Amino acid sequence: MGFVELLLLAVGLSMDAFAVSVCKGLCMKKADIKSMAICGSWFGGFQALMPLIGFFLGTLFADVIEAFDHWVAFGLLALIGANMLKEAFGKETDSCDIEGVDLSFKSMLVMAIATSIDALAVGISLAMAGDVNILAAVV
């Protein structure tokens, strides 16, 4: 996989973390350097860590999951699609009316994992693809 392909993949994977970071920034009364560093560290760190974990899981279990990997992908995409439809037709409850933006360990961990779970799946895919330099992909 070449540099251009890895760059396009990285940009696509990072869009959800970027969107969450922008929304967090918009909800802050004043975004200071510390808050920016916290968000950037959490989201950037997990965007790098998850493909690496996925790559190693993919190399370990490639033979085991090869027979039914398409069904797992179908199930995950069906769940994501159903959740999107539920959210689209449900009432909106999210707002910035809170006093402060929650940058606690628990909140940031959940959001970092949620926004980088697709990177885990890509890491597994990269392991199955074969000739991929995982360190270049992670960077």
Foldseek 3Di string as FASTA:
>chain_A
DDPVVLVVVLVVLCVLLVVVVVVQCVLAPDDDPVNVCLSCCLQLVLLLPQLVLLQVVLLVCVVPCVVPVVVVVVVVVVVVVVVVVCVVPDDDDDDSPDPHRDSDPVVSNVSNCVSRVVSNVVSSVVNVVPPDDSVSSSD
